[in-house]
Amino acid sequence: MPRKPSLSPSKITTYLACPVKYKWTYVDPRGKWFLRSKSYYSFGASLHSVLQRFHDEGDRGVQTAEQAVAALEENWITAGFASPEEAEVALAEGRDLVATYVEEHYRRGPIGRTLYVEKQLRKELGQFVLIGRIDRIDERDDGTIEIIDYKSGRSETDSEDLLNDVAMNCYQLLVRSMLPDRKVLSTIVALRTQSRTTVEPDPAALEQFERDIVAVGTEILNRDYESLLPTAKDICLECDFLQLCKRHEDFAEEVEAIARREPEGADA
């Protein structure tokens, strides 16, 4: 029996943003020649690797702010930066962020224990398997489970955004499937300011979210990508696949019109 295809939060959010981008990223092999490394991905991955080691009880090499900085320097990823100077500026910021994170962690004190770091989970949903890799899963002293996600590009967090976040709700489905009898919270940590937001999703809302994800996933798997035509949007201007989509004459004209459009608030 053939294995079911898998969908991750990244795949789902890519499709929701633009089905054509999903096509070039995951379906049509021609797209791989247009993908470019992103400095913000490298920055986030570098920070995540340090925090994974800090919270991993089996790794005793990163327990202080100084060790966290050293680990970041040792594992720093430079792909996507425009120049060595740009990478060095980002590294300096990263040093401050990981050192502050460790110091803040000890200042706040533990309210439980870490169960998993970078935990990969799976859940069958109809035609596909939902998969997700979760930054951290903690168990609080009262038995409550807390899903923790680090955001290296954010300065603020918002409870409404968190409740509507596709990835975090996918993680809720995955963790609740693994631990069905536990209360499960969602927390986002904005690393630039160390601000945290924690929410407890409504069970009815999660049930509706699961139905929606099944519907979206089924659409993703059964879409006719061969005949899919691009639609011009603001996000197209920064997309790796812009030149591929510009091969369609109507799209090229529409996206050029977007590029010429005056920014909001510009003087008339």
Foldseek 3Di string as FASTA:
>chain_A
DDAFAEDELVLLVLCVVPVLSSCLPPNDVVNVVLDADAQQVQLVVLLLVLVLLCQDPVRPQRPALVSSLVSSVVRRDDGHDPDPVRSVVSSVLSSVLSNVLNVVDVVVDDQFGWDDAQDWFWDDQPRYIYIYGFGTWTQGPVRAIEGEDEDAPDDDDDPVCQLVRLNQLSVVVRVCVVVVVHQYKYKYAHSSHRDMDIDRHDPVVSVVSSVVVSVSVVCSVPPPNVPDAGDADPVLVVDSCVVVNVVDPVRVVVNVVVVPDDDPPDDD
